[in-house]
Amino acid sequence: MIGPGEFIPLAEQTGLIFPLGQYVLQHACAQLQRWGRHPDTAALSISVNVSARQFRQPGFVAQVLQTLKNHGADPRKLKLELTESLLLGDIEDTIARMGQLKNEGVGFALDDFGTGYSSLSYLKRLPLDQVKIDQSFVREVLANPNDAAIVRTILTLAKSLDLQVVAEGVETTGQLSFLRRHGCEAFQGYLFGRAGPVEDIDAFFYPTC
């Protein structure tokens, strides 16, 4: 298995990120449509990582909306995860594109928050729903006072901006306790489960199928 940290940069360099991104988006929307047919899974949402190159391509907004329509998926159940590198480009165009999708119900998360180029002036203008604390801070949150301070600051900042927070890379109960103690309410990481095929999720919700 090859991790995304290895193949995503190459995909961006070669342009393969465009068909790859559309493939992922199509499968995500198809899955949302399938989950939407069952009461036990109708409330589930899916987050899709979108690279800066993919987001800036002409027609990206129309592509997302058409894919949602083609699969009959609820836009409110789709969240696009953007990286802070997106803020190095045309910020006005970025805000406009996000606004168009936001008006149709699509949500947004800022991934790997704290590792890039976010400024507070941009952050308050972006139509975000969520920020994700990068796992590099979570990993040492119990051992490194600086990482602990950064995590607490992000949680306080997000609360003041009325943003949800997800902590990435939670692997121990100690990390979880620290995050909960300081107001974090959503988490992802090996403490809860490893990445796997969607069939594993379906088996959890539909054990008799």
N, C-alpha and C. Protein backbone atom coordinates (compact mmCIF):
# COMPACT_ATOMS: atom_id res chain seq x y z
N MET A 1 0.85 -1.19 0.00
CA MET A 1 0.00 0.00 0.00
C MET A 1 0.89 1.25 0.00
N ILE A 2 0.48 2.24 -0.77
CA ILE A 2 1.22 3.50 -0.86
C ILE A 2 0.36 4.59 -0.21
N GLY A 3 0.93 5.30 0.75
CA GLY A 3 0.20 6.34 1.45
C GLY A 3 -0.03 7.57 0.58
N PRO A 4 -1.07 8.36 0.88
CA PRO A 4 -1.37 9.55 0.07
C PRO A 4 -0.25 10.57 0.08
N GLY A 5 0.55 10.59 1.15
CA GLY A 5 1.66 11.53 1.19
C GLY A 5 2.67 11.30 0.09
N GLU A 6 2.67 10.07 -0.46
CA GLU A 6 3.58 9.73 -1.55
C GLU A 6 2.97 9.98 -2.93
N PHE A 7 1.72 9.55 -3.13
CA PHE A 7 1.20 9.61 -4.49
C PHE A 7 0.45 10.91 -4.82
N ILE A 8 -0.06 11.61 -3.81
CA ILE A 8 -0.79 12.86 -4.10
C ILE A 8 0.12 13.92 -4.71
N PRO A 9 1.33 14.18 -4.15
CA PRO A 9 2.21 15.17 -4.80
C PRO A 9 2.53 14.82 -6.25
N LEU A 10 2.76 13.53 -6.52
CA LEU A 10 3.05 13.11 -7.90
C LEU A 10 1.82 13.30 -8.79
N ALA A 11 0.65 12.99 -8.26
CA ALA A 11 -0.58 13.19 -9.03
C ALA A 11 -0.79 14.66 -9.37
N GLU A 12 -0.44 15.55 -8.42
CA GLU A 12 -0.58 16.98 -8.68
C GLU A 12 0.42 17.44 -9.74
N GLN A 13 1.63 16.92 -9.68
CA GLN A 13 2.66 17.33 -10.63
C GLN A 13 2.32 16.90 -12.05
N THR A 14 1.72 15.73 -12.19
CA THR A 14 1.45 15.17 -13.51
C THR A 14 0.08 15.55 -14.06
N GLY A 15 -0.78 16.13 -13.22
CA GLY A 15 -2.13 16.45 -13.66
C GLY A 15 -3.13 15.33 -13.43
N LEU A 16 -2.66 14.18 -12.95
CA LEU A 16 -3.57 13.07 -12.69
C LEU A 16 -4.51 13.35 -11.52
N ILE A 17 -4.23 14.43 -10.79
CA ILE A 17 -5.09 14.78 -9.67
C ILE A 17 -6.50 15.12 -10.14
N PHE A 18 -6.65 15.57 -11.39
CA PHE A 18 -7.97 15.95 -11.89
C PHE A 18 -8.88 14.74 -12.09
N PRO A 19 -8.49 13.73 -12.87
CA PRO A 19 -9.35 12.55 -12.97
C PRO A 19 -9.46 11.78 -11.66
N LEU A 20 -8.37 11.76 -10.88
CA LEU A 20 -8.41 11.08 -9.58
C LEU A 20 -9.41 11.76 -8.66
N GLY A 21 -9.36 13.10 -8.61
CA GLY A 21 -10.29 13.84 -7.75
C GLY A 21 -11.74 13.63 -8.16
N GLN A 22 -12.00 13.61 -9.46
CA GLN A 22 -13.36 13.39 -9.92
C GLN A 22 -13.83 11.98 -9.62
N TYR A 23 -12.94 11.00 -9.73
CA TYR A 23 -13.27 9.62 -9.39
C TYR A 23 -13.69 9.52 -7.93
N VAL A 24 -12.92 10.14 -7.05
CA VAL A 24 -13.23 10.11 -5.62
C VAL A 24 -14.56 10.80 -5.34
N LEU A 25 -14.77 11.95 -5.97
CA LEU A 25 -16.02 12.69 -5.76
C LEU A 25 -17.23 11.88 -6.22
N GLN A 26 -17.13 11.23 -7.36
CA GLN A 26 -18.23 10.41 -7.87
C GLN A 26 -18.56 9.28 -6.90
N HIS A 27 -17.55 8.60 -6.40
CA HIS A 27 -17.79 7.50 -5.48
C HIS A 27 -18.35 8.00 -4.15
N ALA A 28 -17.90 9.15 -3.71
CA ALA A 28 -18.43 9.72 -2.46
C ALA A 28 -19.91 10.05 -2.61
N CYS A 29 -20.28 10.67 -3.72
CA CYS A 29 -21.68 11.02 -3.94
C CYS A 29 -22.56 9.79 -4.10
N ALA A 30 -22.04 8.78 -4.79
CA ALA A 30 -22.79 7.53 -4.94
C ALA A 30 -23.01 6.89 -3.57
N GLN A 31 -21.99 6.92 -2.71
CA GLN A 31 -22.12 6.35 -1.38
C GLN A 31 -23.12 7.12 -0.54
N LEU A 32 -23.12 8.44 -0.65
CA LEU A 32 -24.09 9.26 0.08
C LEU A 32 -25.52 8.91 -0.34
N GLN A 33 -25.69 8.68 -1.64
CA GLN A 33 -27.02 8.32 -2.13
C GLN A 33 -27.45 6.97 -1.56
N ARG A 34 -26.52 6.01 -1.51
CA ARG A 34 -26.87 4.69 -0.96
C ARG A 34 -27.17 4.80 0.54
N TRP A 35 -26.35 5.51 1.27
CA TRP A 35 -26.61 5.67 2.70
C TRP A 35 -27.92 6.40 2.96
N GLY A 36 -28.26 7.34 2.08
CA GLY A 36 -29.48 8.12 2.27
C GLY A 36 -30.76 7.31 2.18
N ARG A 37 -30.67 6.10 1.61
CA ARG A 37 -31.86 5.26 1.47
C ARG A 37 -32.20 4.51 2.74
N HIS A 38 -31.29 4.48 3.72
CA HIS A 38 -31.50 3.70 4.93
C HIS A 38 -31.53 4.62 6.15
N PRO A 39 -32.53 4.47 7.02
CA PRO A 39 -32.63 5.32 8.21
C PRO A 39 -31.39 5.28 9.10
N ASP A 40 -30.74 4.11 9.20
CA ASP A 40 -29.58 3.99 10.09
C ASP A 40 -28.36 4.76 9.60
N THR A 41 -28.32 5.04 8.30
CA THR A 41 -27.14 5.71 7.74
C THR A 41 -27.45 7.04 7.06
N ALA A 42 -28.70 7.43 7.06
CA ALA A 42 -29.09 8.65 6.33
C ALA A 42 -28.41 9.90 6.87
N ALA A 43 -28.03 9.90 8.13
CA ALA A 43 -27.40 11.09 8.72
C ALA A 43 -25.89 11.15 8.50
N LEU A 44 -25.31 10.08 7.95
CA LEU A 44 -23.86 10.06 7.74
C LEU A 44 -23.45 11.05 6.66
N SER A 45 -22.27 11.64 6.84
CA SER A 45 -21.71 12.55 5.85
C SER A 45 -20.35 12.01 5.39
N ILE A 46 -19.84 12.57 4.31
CA ILE A 46 -18.54 12.17 3.78
C ILE A 46 -17.71 13.43 3.53
N SER A 47 -16.45 13.37 3.93
CA SER A 47 -15.51 14.44 3.63
C SER A 47 -14.59 14.01 2.51
N VAL A 48 -14.35 14.90 1.57
CA VAL A 48 -13.49 14.62 0.41
C VAL A 48 -12.38 15.66 0.38
N ASN A 49 -11.15 15.19 0.37
CA ASN A 49 -10.01 16.10 0.26
C ASN A 49 -9.90 16.64 -1.17
N VAL A 50 -9.70 17.94 -1.27
CA VAL A 50 -9.58 18.60 -2.56
C VAL A 50 -8.27 19.38 -2.58
N SER A 51 -7.44 19.12 -3.58
CA SER A 51 -6.16 19.83 -3.68
C SER A 51 -6.39 21.23 -4.23
N ALA A 52 -5.39 22.09 -4.03
CA ALA A 52 -5.49 23.46 -4.53
C ALA A 52 -5.63 23.48 -6.05
N ARG A 53 -4.86 22.64 -6.74
CA ARG A 53 -4.94 22.59 -8.21
C ARG A 53 -6.34 22.17 -8.66
N GLN A 54 -6.88 21.19 -7.99
CA GLN A 54 -8.21 20.70 -8.34
C GLN A 54 -9.26 21.77 -8.10
N PHE A 55 -9.16 22.45 -6.96
CA PHE A 55 -10.15 23.47 -6.60
C PHE A 55 -10.15 24.63 -7.59
N ARG A 56 -8.96 24.98 -8.10
CA ARG A 56 -8.83 26.15 -8.97
C ARG A 56 -9.11 25.85 -10.44
N GLN A 57 -9.32 24.60 -10.80
CA GLN A 57 -9.54 24.30 -12.21
C GLN A 57 -10.86 24.92 -12.68
N PRO A 58 -10.91 25.39 -13.92
CA PRO A 58 -12.15 25.97 -14.45
C PRO A 58 -13.29 24.95 -14.39
N GLY A 59 -14.44 25.41 -13.96
CA GLY A 59 -15.61 24.53 -13.93
C GLY A 59 -15.70 23.63 -12.72
N PHE A 60 -14.82 23.84 -11.72
CA PHE A 60 -14.83 22.94 -10.56
C PHE A 60 -16.17 23.00 -9.83
N VAL A 61 -16.70 24.19 -9.61
CA VAL A 61 -17.97 24.32 -8.89
C VAL A 61 -19.08 23.59 -9.62
N ALA A 62 -19.17 23.81 -10.92
CA ALA A 62 -20.21 23.15 -11.72
C ALA A 62 -20.03 21.64 -11.70
N GLN A 63 -18.78 21.19 -11.70
CA GLN A 63 -18.49 19.76 -11.68
C GLN A 63 -19.00 19.12 -10.39
N VAL A 64 -18.75 19.78 -9.26
CA VAL A 64 -19.21 19.25 -7.98
C VAL A 64 -20.73 19.18 -7.94
N LEU A 65 -21.37 20.27 -8.34
CA LEU A 65 -22.84 20.32 -8.27
C LEU A 65 -23.47 19.31 -9.22
N GLN A 66 -22.88 19.14 -10.40
CA GLN A 66 -23.43 18.18 -11.36
C GLN A 66 -23.25 16.76 -10.86
N THR A 67 -22.13 16.48 -10.23
CA THR A 67 -21.89 15.13 -9.69
C THR A 67 -22.90 14.82 -8.59
N LEU A 68 -23.14 15.78 -7.71
CA LEU A 68 -24.17 15.60 -6.67
C LEU A 68 -25.53 15.32 -7.30
N LYS A 69 -25.87 16.09 -8.32
CA LYS A 69 -27.17 15.93 -8.98
C LYS A 69 -27.27 14.59 -9.68
N ASN A 70 -26.20 14.18 -10.37
CA ASN A 70 -26.22 12.91 -11.11
C ASN A 70 -26.50 11.73 -10.19
N HIS A 71 -25.99 11.80 -8.96
CA HIS A 71 -26.15 10.68 -8.03
C HIS A 71 -27.30 10.88 -7.05
N GLY A 72 -27.98 12.01 -7.14
CA GLY A 72 -29.09 12.26 -6.22
C GLY A 72 -28.63 12.35 -4.78
N ALA A 73 -27.42 12.86 -4.56
CA ALA A 73 -26.86 12.96 -3.21
C ALA A 73 -27.23 14.29 -2.57
N ASP A 74 -27.38 14.28 -1.26
CA ASP A 74 -27.71 15.49 -0.51
C ASP A 74 -26.44 16.33 -0.34
N PRO A 75 -26.40 17.55 -0.89
CA PRO A 75 -25.20 18.40 -0.76
C PRO A 75 -24.83 18.67 0.69
N ARG A 76 -25.81 18.67 1.58
CA ARG A 76 -25.54 18.98 2.99
C ARG A 76 -24.75 17.87 3.67
N LYS A 77 -24.65 16.71 3.03
CA LYS A 77 -23.90 15.59 3.60
C LYS A 77 -22.48 15.50 3.03
N LEU A 78 -22.13 16.44 2.15
CA LEU A 78 -20.80 16.44 1.54
C LEU A 78 -19.98 17.58 2.13
N LYS A 79 -18.77 17.26 2.59
CA LYS A 79 -17.85 18.28 3.08
C LYS A 79 -16.56 18.19 2.27
N LEU A 80 -16.10 19.33 1.77
CA LEU A 80 -14.85 19.39 1.04
C LEU A 80 -13.76 19.88 1.99
N GLU A 81 -12.67 19.12 2.06
CA GLU A 81 -11.55 19.49 2.92
C GLU A 81 -10.47 20.15 2.08
N LEU A 82 -10.15 21.38 2.42
CA LEU A 82 -9.15 22.18 1.71
C LEU A 82 -7.92 22.36 2.57
N THR A 83 -6.77 22.50 1.94
CA THR A 83 -5.54 22.75 2.69
C THR A 83 -5.24 24.24 2.70
N GLU A 84 -4.39 24.65 3.64
CA GLU A 84 -4.07 26.06 3.77
C GLU A 84 -3.29 26.60 2.57
N SER A 85 -2.69 25.73 1.77
CA SER A 85 -1.96 26.19 0.59
C SER A 85 -2.89 26.89 -0.40
N LEU A 86 -4.17 26.58 -0.31
CA LEU A 86 -5.15 27.23 -1.19
C LEU A 86 -5.17 28.74 -0.96
N LEU A 87 -4.81 29.17 0.24
CA LEU A 87 -4.88 30.59 0.58
C LEU A 87 -3.73 31.38 -0.03
N LEU A 88 -2.77 30.69 -0.66
CA LEU A 88 -1.66 31.39 -1.31
C LEU A 88 -2.06 31.92 -2.67
N GLY A 89 -3.17 31.46 -3.21
CA GLY A 89 -3.60 31.90 -4.52
C GLY A 89 -4.51 33.11 -4.45
N ASP A 90 -5.40 33.19 -5.41
CA ASP A 90 -6.36 34.29 -5.49
C ASP A 90 -7.43 34.09 -4.43
N ILE A 91 -7.30 34.79 -3.32
CA ILE A 91 -8.20 34.57 -2.19
C ILE A 91 -9.63 34.97 -2.53
N GLU A 92 -9.80 36.02 -3.33
CA GLU A 92 -11.15 36.45 -3.68
C GLU A 92 -11.85 35.39 -4.52
N ASP A 93 -11.12 34.78 -5.45
CA ASP A 93 -11.70 33.71 -6.26
C ASP A 93 -12.03 32.51 -5.39
N THR A 94 -11.14 32.21 -4.45
CA THR A 94 -11.39 31.09 -3.53
C THR A 94 -12.66 31.31 -2.73
N ILE A 95 -12.82 32.49 -2.19
CA ILE A 95 -14.02 32.81 -1.39
C ILE A 95 -15.27 32.73 -2.25
N ALA A 96 -15.18 33.22 -3.48
CA ALA A 96 -16.34 33.20 -4.37
C ALA A 96 -16.76 31.77 -4.70
N ARG A 97 -15.78 30.92 -5.00
CA ARG A 97 -16.11 29.52 -5.32
C ARG A 97 -16.69 28.80 -4.11
N MET A 98 -16.08 29.02 -2.97
CA MET A 98 -16.61 28.40 -1.76
C MET A 98 -18.03 28.88 -1.50
N GLY A 99 -18.28 30.17 -1.71
CA GLY A 99 -19.61 30.72 -1.48
C GLY A 99 -20.66 30.10 -2.38
N GLN A 100 -20.30 29.86 -3.64
CA GLN A 100 -21.25 29.24 -4.57
C GLN A 100 -21.65 27.84 -4.11
N LEU A 101 -20.67 27.07 -3.68
CA LEU A 101 -20.95 25.72 -3.21
C LEU A 101 -21.67 25.74 -1.87
N LYS A 102 -21.27 26.66 -1.01
CA LYS A 102 -21.90 26.79 0.30
C LYS A 102 -23.38 27.11 0.16
N ASN A 103 -23.72 27.94 -0.81
CA ASN A 103 -25.13 28.30 -1.04
C ASN A 103 -25.98 27.10 -1.44
N GLU A 104 -25.33 26.06 -1.98
CA GLU A 104 -26.05 24.85 -2.38
C GLU A 104 -26.05 23.80 -1.27
N GLY A 105 -25.41 24.12 -0.14
CA GLY A 105 -25.43 23.21 1.00
C GLY A 105 -24.14 22.48 1.29
N VAL A 106 -23.14 22.58 0.40
CA VAL A 106 -21.87 21.88 0.59
C VAL A 106 -21.09 22.53 1.73
N GLY A 107 -20.50 21.71 2.60
CA GLY A 107 -19.73 22.23 3.72
C GLY A 107 -18.24 22.25 3.42
N PHE A 108 -17.49 22.97 4.27
CA PHE A 108 -16.05 23.09 4.07
C PHE A 108 -15.30 22.92 5.38
N ALA A 109 -14.15 22.24 5.28
CA ALA A 109 -13.24 22.11 6.41
C ALA A 109 -11.86 22.54 5.95
N LEU A 110 -11.11 23.18 6.86
CA LEU A 110 -9.72 23.54 6.59
C LEU A 110 -8.84 22.48 7.22
N ASP A 111 -8.17 21.71 6.36
CA ASP A 111 -7.41 20.54 6.81
C ASP A 111 -6.02 20.95 7.29
N ASP A 112 -5.45 20.15 8.17
CA ASP A 112 -4.07 20.35 8.66
C ASP A 112 -3.87 21.76 9.20
N PHE A 113 -4.85 22.26 9.92
CA PHE A 113 -4.81 23.66 10.37
C PHE A 113 -3.61 23.89 11.30
N GLY A 114 -2.95 25.01 11.09
CA GLY A 114 -1.82 25.38 11.92
C GLY A 114 -0.48 25.10 11.32
N THR A 115 -0.45 24.39 10.17
CA THR A 115 0.82 24.02 9.55
C THR A 115 1.16 24.88 8.35
N GLY A 116 0.23 25.73 7.91
CA GLY A 116 0.43 26.44 6.65
C GLY A 116 0.43 27.94 6.75
N TYR A 117 -0.51 28.55 6.02
CA TYR A 117 -0.40 29.97 5.73
C TYR A 117 -1.64 30.76 6.14
N SER A 118 -2.47 30.21 6.97
CA SER A 118 -3.71 30.90 7.33
C SER A 118 -3.40 32.19 8.08
N SER A 119 -4.11 33.23 7.75
CA SER A 119 -4.07 34.44 8.54
C SER A 119 -5.47 34.65 9.09
N LEU A 120 -5.56 35.35 10.20
CA LEU A 120 -6.86 35.55 10.83
C LEU A 120 -7.79 36.35 9.92
N SER A 121 -7.23 37.26 9.15
CA SER A 121 -8.06 38.08 8.26
C SER A 121 -8.72 37.23 7.19
N TYR A 122 -8.00 36.20 6.70
CA TYR A 122 -8.59 35.29 5.71
C TYR A 122 -9.55 34.33 6.38
N LEU A 123 -9.13 33.83 7.53
CA LEU A 123 -9.91 32.80 8.20
C LEU A 123 -11.33 33.26 8.50
N LYS A 124 -11.48 34.49 8.93
CA LYS A 124 -12.81 34.98 9.28
C LYS A 124 -13.68 35.25 8.06
N ARG A 125 -13.05 35.33 6.86
CA ARG A 125 -13.82 35.59 5.64
C ARG A 125 -14.24 34.32 4.91
N LEU A 126 -13.52 33.24 5.17
CA LEU A 126 -13.83 32.00 4.46
C LEU A 126 -15.10 31.36 5.04
N PRO A 127 -15.99 30.88 4.18
CA PRO A 127 -17.23 30.25 4.65
C PRO A 127 -17.00 28.83 5.12
N LEU A 128 -16.22 28.70 6.19
CA LEU A 128 -15.86 27.38 6.72
C LEU A 128 -16.88 26.89 7.73
N ASP A 129 -16.95 25.59 7.88
CA ASP A 129 -17.74 24.96 8.93
C ASP A 129 -16.84 24.36 10.00
N GLN A 130 -15.60 24.05 9.61
CA GLN A 130 -14.78 23.21 10.46
C GLN A 130 -13.28 23.46 10.20
N VAL A 131 -12.49 23.35 11.25
CA VAL A 131 -11.04 23.30 11.10
C VAL A 131 -10.56 21.99 11.72
N LYS A 132 -9.47 21.46 11.16
CA LYS A 132 -8.94 20.19 11.63
C LYS A 132 -7.54 20.43 12.18
N ILE A 133 -7.34 20.09 13.44
CA ILE A 133 -6.03 20.27 14.07
C ILE A 133 -5.08 19.21 13.52
N ASP A 134 -3.97 19.64 12.98
CA ASP A 134 -3.03 18.71 12.37
C ASP A 134 -2.50 17.72 13.40
N GLN A 135 -2.31 16.48 12.93
CA GLN A 135 -1.87 15.41 13.83
C GLN A 135 -0.48 15.65 14.41
N SER A 136 0.33 16.49 13.77
CA SER A 136 1.66 16.77 14.31
C SER A 136 1.59 17.47 15.65
N PHE A 137 0.52 18.23 15.89
CA PHE A 137 0.33 18.88 17.19
C PHE A 137 -0.29 17.91 18.19
N VAL A 138 -1.23 17.10 17.73
CA VAL A 138 -1.91 16.16 18.61
C VAL A 138 -0.94 15.09 19.11
N ARG A 139 -0.02 14.67 18.27
CA ARG A 139 0.90 13.58 18.60
C ARG A 139 1.69 13.86 19.88
N GLU A 140 2.14 15.11 20.06
CA GLU A 140 2.99 15.45 21.20
C GLU A 140 2.27 16.33 22.23
N VAL A 141 0.95 16.31 22.19
CA VAL A 141 0.20 17.26 23.02
C VAL A 141 0.42 17.03 24.51
N LEU A 142 0.76 15.82 24.90
CA LEU A 142 0.98 15.52 26.32
C LEU A 142 2.44 15.71 26.74
N ALA A 143 3.34 15.77 25.77
CA ALA A 143 4.77 15.84 26.09
C ALA A 143 5.40 17.18 25.76
N ASN A 144 4.81 17.91 24.84
CA ASN A 144 5.40 19.17 24.38
C ASN A 144 4.50 20.34 24.76
N PRO A 145 4.93 21.20 25.69
CA PRO A 145 4.09 22.34 26.10
C PRO A 145 3.72 23.26 24.95
N ASN A 146 4.60 23.39 23.96
CA ASN A 146 4.29 24.26 22.82
C ASN A 146 3.14 23.69 21.99
N ASP A 147 3.18 22.37 21.75
CA ASP A 147 2.09 21.75 21.01
C ASP A 147 0.78 21.85 21.79
N ALA A 148 0.85 21.66 23.10
CA ALA A 148 -0.35 21.78 23.93
C ALA A 148 -0.92 23.20 23.85
N ALA A 149 -0.04 24.20 23.87
CA ALA A 149 -0.49 25.58 23.79
C ALA A 149 -1.12 25.89 22.44
N ILE A 150 -0.53 25.33 21.37
CA ILE A 150 -1.09 25.55 20.03
C ILE A 150 -2.48 24.93 19.93
N VAL A 151 -2.63 23.73 20.45
CA VAL A 151 -3.94 23.06 20.40
C VAL A 151 -4.98 23.85 21.18
N ARG A 152 -4.63 24.31 22.36
CA ARG A 152 -5.57 25.11 23.15
C ARG A 152 -5.94 26.40 22.43
N THR A 153 -4.96 27.01 21.77
CA THR A 153 -5.21 28.27 21.05
C THR A 153 -6.14 28.04 19.87
N ILE A 154 -5.92 26.96 19.13
CA ILE A 154 -6.79 26.65 17.99
C ILE A 154 -8.22 26.42 18.45
N LEU A 155 -8.37 25.69 19.55
CA LEU A 155 -9.71 25.42 20.08
C LEU A 155 -10.41 26.71 20.50
N THR A 156 -9.68 27.60 21.14
CA THR A 156 -10.26 28.87 21.57
C THR A 156 -10.62 29.73 20.37
N LEU A 157 -9.71 29.79 19.38
CA LEU A 157 -9.96 30.57 18.18
C LEU A 157 -11.17 30.05 17.43
N ALA A 158 -11.24 28.74 17.24
CA ALA A 158 -12.36 28.15 16.51
C ALA A 158 -13.69 28.44 17.22
N LYS A 159 -13.69 28.35 18.52
CA LYS A 159 -14.91 28.64 19.27
C LYS A 159 -15.36 30.07 19.07
N SER A 160 -14.41 31.01 19.06
CA SER A 160 -14.75 32.42 18.87
C SER A 160 -15.29 32.69 17.48
N LEU A 161 -14.89 31.87 16.50
CA LEU A 161 -15.36 32.02 15.13
C LEU A 161 -16.54 31.10 14.82
N ASP A 162 -17.03 30.41 15.84
CA ASP A 162 -18.17 29.50 15.70
C ASP A 162 -17.89 28.39 14.69
N LEU A 163 -16.68 27.82 14.77
CA LEU A 163 -16.28 26.73 13.90
C LEU A 163 -16.17 25.44 14.69
N GLN A 164 -16.57 24.35 14.08
CA GLN A 164 -16.35 23.04 14.66
C GLN A 164 -14.86 22.70 14.56
N VAL A 165 -14.40 21.83 15.43
CA VAL A 165 -13.00 21.40 15.41
C VAL A 165 -12.94 19.87 15.41
N VAL A 166 -12.08 19.34 14.55
CA VAL A 166 -11.77 17.91 14.55
C VAL A 166 -10.29 17.77 14.83
N ALA A 167 -9.93 16.96 15.79
CA ALA A 167 -8.53 16.67 16.08
C ALA A 167 -8.11 15.44 15.30
N GLU A 168 -7.04 15.57 14.52
CA GLU A 168 -6.55 14.45 13.71
C GLU A 168 -5.48 13.66 14.48
N GLY A 169 -5.37 12.40 14.14
CA GLY A 169 -4.28 11.59 14.67
C GLY A 169 -4.39 11.24 16.14
N VAL A 170 -5.61 11.10 16.65
CA VAL A 170 -5.79 10.73 18.05
C VAL A 170 -5.56 9.23 18.19
N GLU A 171 -4.55 8.87 18.98
CA GLU A 171 -4.16 7.47 19.09
C GLU A 171 -4.21 6.93 20.51
N THR A 172 -4.29 7.79 21.51
CA THR A 172 -4.27 7.33 22.90
C THR A 172 -5.42 7.95 23.69
N THR A 173 -5.79 7.31 24.77
CA THR A 173 -6.84 7.85 25.63
C THR A 173 -6.37 9.12 26.33
N GLY A 174 -5.05 9.24 26.56
CA GLY A 174 -4.52 10.45 27.16
C GLY A 174 -4.70 11.65 26.26
N GLN A 175 -4.43 11.49 24.99
CA GLN A 175 -4.66 12.57 24.03
C GLN A 175 -6.14 12.94 23.98
N LEU A 176 -6.98 11.92 23.94
CA LEU A 176 -8.43 12.15 23.90
C LEU A 176 -8.89 12.92 25.13
N SER A 177 -8.42 12.56 26.30
CA SER A 177 -8.82 13.24 27.53
C SER A 177 -8.39 14.70 27.51
N PHE A 178 -7.17 14.96 27.07
CA PHE A 178 -6.69 16.33 26.98
C PHE A 178 -7.57 17.16 26.06
N LEU A 179 -7.85 16.62 24.88
CA LEU A 179 -8.65 17.35 23.90
C LEU A 179 -10.06 17.61 24.41
N ARG A 180 -10.66 16.62 25.01
CA ARG A 180 -12.00 16.80 25.56
C ARG A 180 -12.01 17.84 26.67
N ARG A 181 -10.99 17.80 27.50
CA ARG A 181 -10.89 18.73 28.63
C ARG A 181 -10.83 20.18 28.15
N HIS A 182 -10.29 20.37 26.96
CA HIS A 182 -10.14 21.73 26.45
C HIS A 182 -11.19 22.08 25.39
N GLY A 183 -12.24 21.28 25.31
CA GLY A 183 -13.40 21.67 24.50
C GLY A 183 -13.52 21.07 23.13
N CYS A 184 -12.63 20.14 22.77
CA CYS A 184 -12.75 19.49 21.46
C CYS A 184 -13.81 18.40 21.54
N GLU A 185 -14.64 18.31 20.50
CA GLU A 185 -15.76 17.38 20.55
C GLU A 185 -15.76 16.37 19.40
N ALA A 186 -14.82 16.49 18.47
CA ALA A 186 -14.78 15.55 17.34
C ALA A 186 -13.34 15.13 17.09
N PHE A 187 -13.18 13.86 16.72
CA PHE A 187 -11.84 13.29 16.65
C PHE A 187 -11.76 12.27 15.51
N GLN A 188 -10.54 12.07 15.01
CA GLN A 188 -10.29 10.95 14.12
C GLN A 188 -8.89 10.42 14.41
N GLY A 189 -8.71 9.13 14.21
CA GLY A 189 -7.41 8.54 14.49
C GLY A 189 -7.52 7.07 14.81
N TYR A 190 -6.37 6.43 14.99
CA TYR A 190 -6.32 4.99 15.21
C TYR A 190 -6.97 4.56 16.52
N LEU A 191 -7.17 5.48 17.45
CA LEU A 191 -7.86 5.12 18.68
C LEU A 191 -9.29 4.66 18.38
N PHE A 192 -9.85 5.16 17.31
CA PHE A 192 -11.23 4.84 16.95
C PHE A 192 -11.31 3.82 15.82
N GLY A 193 -10.32 3.81 14.96
CA GLY A 193 -10.35 2.86 13.85
C GLY A 193 -9.36 3.26 12.78
N ARG A 194 -8.93 2.28 12.03
CA ARG A 194 -8.00 2.53 10.92
C ARG A 194 -8.78 2.68 9.62
N ALA A 195 -8.11 3.26 8.66
CA ALA A 195 -8.73 3.39 7.34
C ALA A 195 -9.03 2.01 6.77
N GLY A 196 -10.16 1.92 6.08
CA GLY A 196 -10.54 0.64 5.51
C GLY A 196 -11.60 0.82 4.44
N PRO A 197 -12.01 -0.25 3.80
CA PRO A 197 -13.02 -0.17 2.73
C PRO A 197 -14.38 0.19 3.28
N VAL A 198 -15.19 0.80 2.42
CA VAL A 198 -16.52 1.22 2.84
C VAL A 198 -17.39 0.03 3.24
N GLU A 199 -17.06 -1.15 2.72
CA GLU A 199 -17.82 -2.34 3.08
C GLU A 199 -17.77 -2.62 4.58
N ASP A 200 -16.65 -2.23 5.22
CA ASP A 200 -16.55 -2.42 6.66
C ASP A 200 -17.55 -1.54 7.41
N ILE A 201 -17.76 -0.34 6.89
CA ILE A 201 -18.75 0.56 7.51
C ILE A 201 -20.15 0.01 7.30
N ASP A 202 -20.43 -0.44 6.09
CA ASP A 202 -21.76 -1.01 5.81
C ASP A 202 -22.02 -2.23 6.69
N ALA A 203 -20.99 -3.05 6.90
CA ALA A 203 -21.15 -4.24 7.73
C ALA A 203 -21.46 -3.86 9.17
N PHE A 204 -20.92 -2.73 9.62
CA PHE A 204 -21.19 -2.27 10.98
C PHE A 204 -22.65 -1.85 11.14
N PHE A 205 -23.18 -1.15 10.13
CA PHE A 205 -24.54 -0.67 10.21
C PHE A 205 -25.58 -1.71 9.80
N TYR A 206 -25.18 -2.60 8.90
CA TYR A 206 -26.11 -3.64 8.41
C TYR A 206 -25.51 -5.01 8.67
N PRO A 207 -25.37 -5.43 9.92
CA PRO A 207 -24.69 -6.70 10.22
C PRO A 207 -25.40 -7.92 9.67
N THR A 208 -26.69 -7.84 9.36
CA THR A 208 -27.43 -9.00 8.89
C THR A 208 -27.40 -9.13 7.39
N CYS A 209 -26.83 -8.09 6.70
CA CYS A 209 -26.85 -8.12 5.24
C CYS A 209 -25.75 -9.00 4.69
